[in-house]
């Protein structure tokens, strides 16, 4: 048995026992324990970690903990590029394709609204999500900590918020997604690309009032749905405006 001192930063503290948050603490470690083993034993999924410093030097997840080590653990950085320091995984967490677990359907639809490729099915099991993550290199979105601790899940985010709009704000801010949005380009129902379509082509599929009041339409070739700028679009536009306002307020700081 060896002992090591740990310090976790920012939102990683949310996963810790209250008496270990935002402070250094010393814990016993098995002699063969790695940084990954200890970080997850303390409650933090490895997918939430972007940078590990052991005694001031960048380390990867396989680093064996030694007597007296001081371990600092950081989440994703948005304010600066720390790529030269990264050793915990081959690539930083900036891939913007997602797979959402069965409890995050509302978030999945909103991410599609922003133009982010997001796989979701309320029949997905954990093994399905892990397989998709491995095959496609997607970021796993979940409220299941144990899912994020799976060895083969290299990119993932634990979603703290409970309501879909709050979840969207959380993910957009944490992954700095605002600048890479492409709103209203994906089908909300099946995640396939939308394309413009002439009104005459879809006229017989439109409700009578829509036939009279709207001229521009998009369609999904996968499911055949037709979209126009009706009340649903206006509600989504409000969500987008809220995102922009929140980001402007965050960047400008207090007056």
C-alpha atoms as a PDB file:
ATOM      1  CA  UNK A   1       0.000   0.000   0.000  1.00  0.00           C
ATOM      2  CA  UNK A   2       1.180   3.520  -0.856  1.00  0.00           C
ATOM      3  CA  UNK A   3      -0.322   6.943  -0.165  1.00  0.00           C
ATOM      4  CA  UNK A   4      -0.859   9.794  -2.633  1.00  0.00           C
ATOM      5  CA  UNK A   5      -2.393  13.264  -2.495  1.00  0.00           C
ATOM      6  CA  UNK A   6      -5.126  14.210  -4.969  1.00  0.00           C
ATOM      7  CA  UNK A   7      -6.704  17.512  -6.007  1.00  0.00           C
ATOM      8  CA  UNK A   8      -9.596  17.731  -8.480  1.00  0.00           C
ATOM      9  CA  UNK A   9     -10.584  20.935 -10.272  1.00  0.00           C
ATOM     10  CA  UNK A  10     -13.756  22.678 -11.404  1.00  0.00           C
ATOM     11  CA  UNK A  11     -16.782  20.452 -12.172  1.00  0.00           C
ATOM     12  CA  UNK A  12     -14.895  17.254 -11.361  1.00  0.00           C
ATOM     13  CA  UNK A  13     -15.556  18.098  -7.719  1.00  0.00           C
ATOM     14  CA  UNK A  14     -19.235  17.316  -8.272  1.00  0.00           C
ATOM     15  CA  UNK A  15     -18.355  13.608  -8.374  1.00  0.00           C
ATOM     16  CA  UNK A  16     -16.453  13.617  -5.069  1.00  0.00           C
ATOM     17  CA  UNK A  17     -17.586  13.101  -1.506  1.00  0.00           C
ATOM     18  CA  UNK A  18     -18.353  16.549   0.010  1.00  0.00           C
ATOM     19  CA  UNK A  19     -15.343  16.529   2.340  1.00  0.00           C
ATOM     20  CA  UNK A  20     -12.955  16.053  -0.614  1.00  0.00           C
ATOM     21  CA  UNK A  21     -14.209  18.833  -2.857  1.00  0.00           C
ATOM     22  CA  UNK A  22     -11.948  21.767  -3.846  1.00  0.00           C
ATOM     23  CA  UNK A  23      -9.124  20.702  -1.554  1.00  0.00           C
ATOM     24  CA  UNK A  24      -6.170  18.367  -1.411  1.00  0.00           C
ATOM     25  CA  UNK A  25      -6.692  15.024   0.317  1.00  0.00           C
ATOM     26  CA  UNK A  26      -4.483  12.012   0.891  1.00  0.00           C
ATOM     27  CA  UNK A  27      -5.694   8.452   0.311  1.00  0.00           C
ATOM     28  CA  UNK A  28      -4.174   4.957   0.390  1.00  0.00           C
ATOM     29  CA  UNK A  29      -3.619   3.270  -2.989  1.00  0.00           C
ATOM     30  CA  UNK A  30      -2.850  -0.313  -3.932  1.00  0.00           C
ATOM     31  CA  UNK A  31       0.767  -0.748  -5.043  1.00  0.00           C
ATOM     32  CA  UNK A  32      -0.179  -1.465  -8.662  1.00  0.00           C
ATOM     33  CA  UNK A  33      -2.919   1.188  -8.854  1.00  0.00           C
ATOM     34  CA  UNK A  34      -2.884   3.422 -11.933  1.00  0.00           C
ATOM     35  CA  UNK A  35      -4.054   7.024 -12.125  1.00  0.00           C
ATOM     36  CA  UNK A  36      -7.167   5.830 -13.991  1.00  0.00           C
ATOM     37  CA  UNK A  37      -7.972   3.244 -11.315  1.00  0.00           C
ATOM     38  CA  UNK A  38      -7.658   5.756  -8.487  1.00  0.00           C
ATOM     39  CA  UNK A  39      -9.518   8.569 -10.258  1.00  0.00           C
ATOM     40  CA  UNK A  40     -12.486   6.286 -10.886  1.00  0.00           C
ATOM     41  CA  UNK A  41     -12.260   4.700  -7.423  1.00  0.00           C
ATOM     42  CA  UNK A  42     -12.715   8.226  -6.061  1.00  0.00           C
ATOM     43  CA  UNK A  43     -15.889   8.577  -8.155  1.00  0.00           C
ATOM     44  CA  UNK A  44     -14.807  10.502 -11.274  1.00  0.00           C
ATOM     45  CA  UNK A  45     -15.422   8.852 -14.689  1.00  0.00           C
ATOM     46  CA  UNK A  46     -12.262   8.893 -16.802  1.00  0.00           C
ATOM     47  CA  UNK A  47     -14.172  10.408 -19.734  1.00  0.00           C
ATOM     48  CA  UNK A  48     -14.550  13.638 -17.741  1.00  0.00           C
ATOM     49  CA  UNK A  49     -10.766  14.054 -17.433  1.00  0.00           C
ATOM     50  CA  UNK A  50      -8.671  15.999 -19.931  1.00  0.00           C
ATOM     51  CA  UNK A  51      -5.377  16.500 -18.097  1.00  0.00           C
ATOM     52  CA  UNK A  52      -3.534  14.742 -15.267  1.00  0.00           C
ATOM     53  CA  UNK A  53      -0.447  16.215 -13.631  1.00  0.00           C
ATOM     54  CA  UNK A  54       1.588  13.948 -11.349  1.00  0.00           C
ATOM     55  CA  UNK A  55       4.177  15.916  -9.385  1.00  0.00           C
ATOM     56  CA  UNK A  56       3.728  18.726 -11.911  1.00  0.00           C
ATOM     57  CA  UNK A  57       4.272  16.598 -15.032  1.00  0.00           C
ATOM     58  CA  UNK A  58       1.626  15.449 -17.523  1.00  0.00           C
ATOM     59  CA  UNK A  59       0.747  11.768 -17.108  1.00  0.00           C
ATOM     60  CA  UNK A  60      -1.512   9.259 -18.818  1.00  0.00           C
ATOM     61  CA  UNK A  61      -4.088   6.900 -17.347  1.00  0.00           C
ATOM     62  CA  UNK A  62      -1.587   4.023 -17.103  1.00  0.00           C
ATOM     63  CA  UNK A  63       0.827   5.875 -14.790  1.00  0.00           C
ATOM     64  CA  UNK A  64       1.410   3.774 -11.643  1.00  0.00           C
ATOM     65  CA  UNK A  65       0.833   5.688  -8.419  1.00  0.00           C
ATOM     66  CA  UNK A  66       3.961   5.843  -6.247  1.00  0.00           C
ATOM     67  CA  UNK A  67       4.458   6.753  -2.613  1.00  0.00           C
ATOM     68  CA  UNK A  68       4.041  10.484  -2.014  1.00  0.00           C
ATOM     69  CA  UNK A  69       2.751  11.348  -5.499  1.00  0.00           C
ATOM     70  CA  UNK A  70       0.762  14.563  -5.819  1.00  0.00           C
ATOM     71  CA  UNK A  71      -1.937  14.168  -8.475  1.00  0.00           C
ATOM     72  CA  UNK A  72      -3.844  17.099  -9.984  1.00  0.00           C
ATOM     73  CA  UNK A  73      -6.824  16.196 -12.184  1.00  0.00           C
ATOM     74  CA  UNK A  74      -8.463  18.658 -14.595  1.00  0.00           C
ATOM     75  CA  UNK A  75     -11.623  18.615 -16.744  1.00  0.00           C
ATOM     76  CA  UNK A  76     -11.834  19.838 -20.337  1.00  0.00           C
ATOM     77  CA  UNK A  77     -10.304  23.244 -20.954  1.00  0.00           C
ATOM     78  CA  UNK A  78     -12.206  25.784 -23.049  1.00  0.00           C
ATOM     79  CA  UNK A  79     -10.214  28.971 -22.460  1.00  0.00           C
ATOM     80  CA  UNK A  80      -6.884  27.692 -23.777  1.00  0.00           C
ATOM     81  CA  UNK A  81      -5.406  24.966 -25.938  1.00  0.00           C
ATOM     82  CA  UNK A  82      -3.717  22.346 -23.748  1.00  0.00           C
ATOM     83  CA  UNK A  83      -3.202  19.836 -26.564  1.00  0.00           C
ATOM     84  CA  UNK A  84       0.620  19.802 -26.175  1.00  0.00           C
ATOM     85  CA  UNK A  85       0.181  18.672 -22.547  1.00  0.00           C
ATOM     86  CA  UNK A  86      -2.368  15.934 -23.151  1.00  0.00           C
ATOM     87  CA  UNK A  87      -1.400  12.354 -22.506  1.00  0.00           C
ATOM     88  CA  UNK A  88      -4.611  10.784 -21.214  1.00  0.00           C
ATOM     89  CA  UNK A  89      -5.949   9.912 -24.683  1.00  0.00           C
ATOM     90  CA  UNK A  90      -4.830  10.080 -28.285  1.00  0.00           C
ATOM     91  CA  UNK A  91      -7.056  13.010 -29.224  1.00  0.00           C
ATOM     92  CA  UNK A  92      -8.674  15.776 -27.123  1.00  0.00           C
ATOM     93  CA  UNK A  93     -12.440  15.706 -26.648  1.00  0.00           C
ATOM     94  CA  UNK A  94     -13.488  17.915 -29.542  1.00  0.00           C
ATOM     95  CA  UNK A  95     -15.325  15.470 -31.823  1.00  0.00           C
ATOM     96  CA  UNK A  96     -18.871  16.766 -32.122  1.00  0.00           C
ATOM     97  CA  UNK A  97     -20.813  13.602 -32.961  1.00  0.00           C
ATOM     98  CA  UNK A  98     -22.833  12.169 -30.113  1.00  0.00           C
ATOM     99  CA  UNK A  99     -24.679   9.095 -28.925  1.00  0.00           C
ATOM    100  CA  UNK A 100     -27.203   9.743 -26.144  1.00  0.00           C
ATOM    101  CA  UNK A 101     -28.524   7.199 -23.686  1.00  0.00           C
ATOM    102  CA  UNK A 102     -32.190   6.256 -23.404  1.00  0.00           C
ATOM    103  CA  UNK A 103     -32.943   8.939 -20.787  1.00  0.00           C
ATOM    104  CA  UNK A 104     -31.753  11.901 -22.873  1.00  0.00           C
ATOM    105  CA  UNK A 105     -34.195  11.970 -25.775  1.00  0.00           C
ATOM    106  CA  UNK A 106     -35.045  15.649 -25.307  1.00  0.00           C
ATOM    107  CA  UNK A 107     -31.373  16.629 -25.325  1.00  0.00           C
ATOM    108  CA  UNK A 108     -30.733  14.480 -28.418  1.00  0.00           C
ATOM    109  CA  UNK A 109     -33.500  16.245 -30.363  1.00  0.00           C
ATOM    110  CA  UNK A 110     -32.194  19.667 -29.353  1.00  0.00           C
ATOM    111  CA  UNK A 111     -28.633  18.809 -30.407  1.00  0.00           C
ATOM    112  CA  UNK A 112     -30.004  17.708 -33.777  1.00  0.00           C
ATOM    113  CA  UNK A 113     -31.809  21.044 -33.934  1.00  0.00           C
ATOM    114  CA  UNK A 114     -28.398  22.726 -33.641  1.00  0.00           C
ATOM    115  CA  UNK A 115     -27.050  20.542 -36.451  1.00  0.00           C
ATOM    116  CA  UNK A 116     -25.038  18.039 -34.379  1.00  0.00           C
ATOM    117  CA  UNK A 117     -25.120  14.414 -35.512  1.00  0.00           C
ATOM    118  CA  UNK A 118     -26.694  12.692 -32.486  1.00  0.00           C
ATOM    119  CA  UNK A 119     -27.717   9.041 -32.376  1.00  0.00           C
ATOM    120  CA  UNK A 120     -30.543   8.206 -29.985  1.00  0.00           C
ATOM    121  CA  UNK A 121     -32.991   5.369 -29.492  1.00  0.00           C
ATOM    122  CA  UNK A 122     -34.946   4.813 -26.289  1.00  0.00           C
ATOM    123  CA  UNK A 123     -34.248   1.100 -26.706  1.00  0.00           C
ATOM    124  CA  UNK A 124     -30.463   1.561 -26.590  1.00  0.00           C
ATOM    125  CA  UNK A 125     -28.807  -0.583 -23.905  1.00  0.00           C
ATOM    126  CA  UNK A 126     -25.422   0.296 -22.404  1.00  0.00           C
ATOM    127  CA  UNK A 127     -23.689  -2.329 -24.558  1.00  0.00           C
ATOM    128  CA  UNK A 128     -25.246  -0.782 -27.679  1.00  0.00           C
ATOM    129  CA  UNK A 129     -23.954   2.661 -26.726  1.00  0.00           C
ATOM    130  CA  UNK A 130     -20.452   1.354 -26.000  1.00  0.00           C
ATOM    131  CA  UNK A 131     -20.365  -0.428 -29.378  1.00  0.00           C
ATOM    132  CA  UNK A 132     -21.470   2.744 -31.198  1.00  0.00           C
ATOM    133  CA  UNK A 133     -18.873   4.795 -29.334  1.00  0.00           C
ATOM    134  CA  UNK A 134     -16.112   2.374 -30.328  1.00  0.00           C
ATOM    135  CA  UNK A 135     -17.213   2.079 -33.939  1.00  0.00           C
ATOM    136  CA  UNK A 136     -17.965   5.740 -34.716  1.00  0.00           C
ATOM    137  CA  UNK A 137     -15.811   7.609 -32.202  1.00  0.00           C
ATOM    138  CA  UNK A 138     -18.829   9.412 -30.776  1.00  0.00           C
ATOM    139  CA  UNK A 139     -19.084  11.287 -27.491  1.00  0.00           C
ATOM    140  CA  UNK A 140     -21.341   9.423 -25.063  1.00  0.00           C
ATOM    141  CA  UNK A 141     -23.928  11.613 -23.296  1.00  0.00           C
ATOM    142  CA  UNK A 142     -25.381  10.034 -20.183  1.00  0.00           C
ATOM    143  CA  UNK A 143     -26.392  10.456 -16.545  1.00  0.00           C
ATOM    144  CA  UNK A 144     -25.006   6.983 -15.767  1.00  0.00           C
ATOM    145  CA  UNK A 145     -21.552   7.283 -14.201  1.00  0.00           C
ATOM    146  CA  UNK A 146     -20.890   3.572 -14.498  1.00  0.00           C
ATOM    147  CA  UNK A 147     -21.371   3.726 -18.272  1.00  0.00           C
ATOM    148  CA  UNK A 148     -18.664   6.383 -18.524  1.00  0.00           C
ATOM    149  CA  UNK A 149     -16.287   4.172 -16.538  1.00  0.00           C
ATOM    150  CA  UNK A 150     -16.342   1.488 -19.236  1.00  0.00           C
ATOM    151  CA  UNK A 151     -12.763   0.996 -20.438  1.00  0.00           C
ATOM    152  CA  UNK A 152     -13.602   1.335 -24.135  1.00  0.00           C
ATOM    153  CA  UNK A 153     -15.574   4.575 -23.717  1.00  0.00           C
ATOM    154  CA  UNK A 154     -12.885   7.167 -24.408  1.00  0.00           C
ATOM    155  CA  UNK A 155     -15.083  10.222 -25.038  1.00  0.00           C
ATOM    156  CA  UNK A 156     -18.075  11.054 -22.892  1.00  0.00           C
ATOM    157  CA  UNK A 157     -19.892  13.647 -20.805  1.00  0.00           C
ATOM    158  CA  UNK A 158     -21.863  13.151 -17.631  1.00  0.00           C
ATOM    159  CA  UNK A 159     -24.957  15.373 -17.957  1.00  0.00           C
ATOM    160  CA  UNK A 160     -25.670  17.108 -14.653  1.00  0.00           C
ATOM    161  CA  UNK A 161     -28.857  19.025 -15.514  1.00  0.00           C
ATOM    162  CA  UNK A 162     -32.255  17.311 -15.395  1.00  0.00           C
ATOM    163  CA  UNK A 163     -34.355  19.251 -17.930  1.00  0.00           C
ATOM    164  CA  UNK A 164     -33.604  19.147 -21.684  1.00  0.00           C
ATOM    165  CA  UNK A 165     -33.114  22.898 -22.194  1.00  0.00           C
ATOM    166  CA  UNK A 166     -30.796  23.099 -19.191  1.00  0.00           C
ATOM    167  CA  UNK A 167     -28.948  20.029 -20.458  1.00  0.00           C
ATOM    168  CA  UNK A 168     -28.487  21.703 -23.839  1.00  0.00           C
ATOM    169  CA  UNK A 169     -27.057  24.851 -22.242  1.00  0.00           C
ATOM    170  CA  UNK A 170     -24.709  22.685 -20.174  1.00  0.00           C
ATOM    171  CA  UNK A 171     -23.354  20.674 -23.115  1.00  0.00           C
ATOM    172  CA  UNK A 172     -23.031  23.680 -25.438  1.00  0.00           C
ATOM    173  CA  UNK A 173     -21.008  25.556 -22.809  1.00  0.00           C
ATOM    174  CA  UNK A 174     -18.862  22.621 -21.679  1.00  0.00           C
ATOM    175  CA  UNK A 175     -17.874  21.578 -25.211  1.00  0.00           C
ATOM    176  CA  UNK A 176     -17.770  25.089 -26.680  1.00  0.00           C
ATOM    177  CA  UNK A 177     -20.263  24.164 -29.407  1.00  0.00           C
ATOM    178  CA  UNK A 178     -21.754  27.549 -30.219  1.00  0.00           C
ATOM    179  CA  UNK A 179     -19.299  28.403 -33.011  1.00  0.00           C
ATOM    180  CA  UNK A 180     -19.789  25.063 -34.782  1.00  0.00           C
ATOM    181  CA  UNK A 181     -23.595  24.992 -34.825  1.00  0.00           C
ATOM    182  CA  UNK A 182     -25.481  24.597 -38.108  1.00  0.00           C
ATOM    183  CA  UNK A 183     -29.123  24.920 -37.002  1.00  0.00           C
ATOM    184  CA  UNK A 184     -32.102  23.349 -38.769  1.00  0.00           C
ATOM    185  CA  UNK A 185     -30.045  21.134 -41.077  1.00  0.00           C
ATOM    186  CA  UNK A 186     -30.845  17.730 -39.510  1.00  0.00           C
ATOM    187  CA  UNK A 187     -34.119  15.890 -39.083  1.00  0.00           C
ATOM    188  CA  UNK A 188     -35.162  16.011 -35.422  1.00  0.00           C
ATOM    189  CA  UNK A 189     -36.693  12.549 -35.692  1.00  0.00           C
ATOM    190  CA  UNK A 190     -34.094  10.463 -37.523  1.00  0.00           C
ATOM    191  CA  UNK A 191     -30.892  12.552 -37.561  1.00  0.00           C
ATOM    192  CA  UNK A 192     -30.638  12.549 -41.382  1.00  0.00           C
ATOM    193  CA  UNK A 193     -29.767  15.703 -43.373  1.00  0.00           C
ATOM    194  CA  UNK A 194     -32.578  18.007 -44.479  1.00  0.00           C
ATOM    195  CA  UNK A 195     -32.727  19.511 -47.962  1.00  0.00           C
ATOM    196  CA  UNK A 196     -34.808  22.327 -49.487  1.00  0.00           C
ATOM    197  CA  UNK A 197     -37.814  21.147 -51.479  1.00  0.00           C
ATOM    198  CA  UNK A 198     -40.220  22.945 -53.814  1.00  0.00           C
ATOM    199  CA  UNK A 199     -43.638  23.615 -52.348  1.00  0.00           C
ATOM    200  CA  UNK A 200     -45.309  21.967 -55.316  1.00  0.00           C
ATOM    201  CA  UNK A 201     -43.561  18.662 -54.592  1.00  0.00           C
ATOM    202  CA  UNK A 202     -44.892  18.424 -51.023  1.00  0.00           C
ATOM    203  CA  UNK A 203     -48.114  20.436 -51.425  1.00  0.00           C
ATOM    204  CA  UNK A 204     -50.448  17.466 -50.989  1.00  0.00           C
ATOM    205  CA  UNK A 205     -48.708  16.522 -47.719  1.00  0.00           C
ATOM    206  CA  UNK A 206     -49.215  19.923 -46.087  1.00  0.00           C
ATOM    207  CA  UNK A 207     -52.035  20.962 -43.722  1.00  0.00           C
ATOM    208  CA  UNK A 208     -54.482  23.415 -45.377  1.00  0.00           C
ATOM    209  CA  UNK A 209     -53.303  26.467 -43.390  1.00  0.00           C
ATOM    210  CA  UNK A 210     -49.661  25.669 -44.144  1.00  0.00           C
ATOM    211  CA  UNK A 211     -50.499  25.455 -47.861  1.00  0.00           C
ATOM    212  CA  UNK A 212     -51.764  29.037 -47.680  1.00  0.00           C
ATOM    213  CA  UNK A 213     -49.283  30.745 -45.326  1.00  0.00           C
ATOM    214  CA  UNK A 214     -45.843  29.186 -46.003  1.00  0.00           C
ATOM    215  CA  UNK A 215     -43.588  29.060 -49.061  1.00  0.00           C
ATOM    216  CA  UNK A 216     -40.262  27.586 -47.934  1.00  0.00           C
ATOM    217  CA  UNK A 217     -39.872  23.948 -46.918  1.00  0.00           C
ATOM    218  CA  UNK A 218     -37.262  21.347 -46.100  1.00  0.00           C
ATOM    219  CA  UNK A 219     -37.690  17.596 -46.222  1.00  0.00           C
ATOM    220  CA  UNK A 220     -35.970  14.510 -44.865  1.00  0.00           C
ATOM    221  CA  UNK A 221     -35.358  11.846 -47.491  1.00  0.00           C
ATOM    222  CA  UNK A 222     -35.079   9.181 -44.811  1.00  0.00           C
ATOM    223  CA  UNK A 223     -38.430   9.541 -43.034  1.00  0.00           C
ATOM    224  CA  UNK A 224     -40.259  11.786 -45.528  1.00  0.00           C
ATOM    225  CA  UNK A 225     -41.190  14.472 -42.981  1.00  0.00           C
ATOM    226  CA  UNK A 226     -41.602  18.054 -44.180  1.00  0.00           C
ATOM    227  CA  UNK A 227     -40.533  21.070 -42.093  1.00  0.00           C
ATOM    228  CA  UNK A 228     -41.481  24.749 -42.263  1.00  0.00           C
ATOM    229  CA  UNK A 229     -41.103  27.799 -40.031  1.00  0.00           C
ATOM    230  CA  UNK A 230     -44.195  27.255 -37.921  1.00  0.00           C
ATOM    231  CA  UNK A 231     -44.747  27.331 -34.160  1.00  0.00           C
ATOM    232  CA  UNK A 232     -42.332  24.473 -33.553  1.00  0.00           C
ATOM    233  CA  UNK A 233     -39.602  26.325 -35.454  1.00  0.00           C
ATOM    234  CA  UNK A 234     -40.312  29.498 -33.450  1.00  0.00           C
ATOM    235  CA  UNK A 235     -39.971  27.566 -30.180  1.00  0.00           C
ATOM    236  CA  UNK A 236     -36.622  26.188 -31.327  1.00  0.00           C
ATOM    237  CA  UNK A 237     -35.547  29.665 -32.418  1.00  0.00           C
ATOM    238  CA  UNK A 238     -36.253  30.877 -28.878  1.00  0.00           C
ATOM    239  CA  UNK A 239     -33.983  28.148 -27.476  1.00  0.00           C
ATOM    240  CA  UNK A 240     -31.224  29.251 -29.861  1.00  0.00           C
ATOM    241  CA  UNK A 241     -31.635  32.899 -28.892  1.00  0.00           C
ATOM    242  CA  UNK A 242     -31.374  31.940 -25.228  1.00  0.00           C
ATOM    243  CA  UNK A 243     -28.110  30.123 -25.965  1.00  0.00           C
ATOM    244  CA  UNK A 244     -26.645  33.174 -27.677  1.00  0.00           C
ATOM    245  CA  UNK A 245     -27.755  35.496 -24.868  1.00  0.00           C
ATOM    246  CA  UNK A 246     -26.273  33.200 -22.249  1.00  0.00           C
ATOM    247  CA  UNK A 247     -22.959  33.023 -24.107  1.00  0.00           C
ATOM    248  CA  UNK A 248     -22.806  36.806 -24.607  1.00  0.00           C
ATOM    249  CA  UNK A 249     -23.439  37.354 -20.893  1.00  0.00           C
ATOM    250  CA  UNK A 250     -20.817  34.760 -19.948  1.00  0.00           C
ATOM    251  CA  UNK A 251     -18.159  36.310 -22.228  1.00  0.00           C
ATOM    252  CA  UNK A 252     -18.851  39.926 -21.239  1.00  0.00           C
ATOM    253  CA  UNK A 253     -18.965  39.215 -17.503  1.00  0.00           C
ATOM    254  CA  UNK A 254     -20.686  41.429 -14.948  1.00  0.00           C
ATOM    255  CA  UNK A 255     -21.274  45.037 -15.885  1.00  0.00           C
END
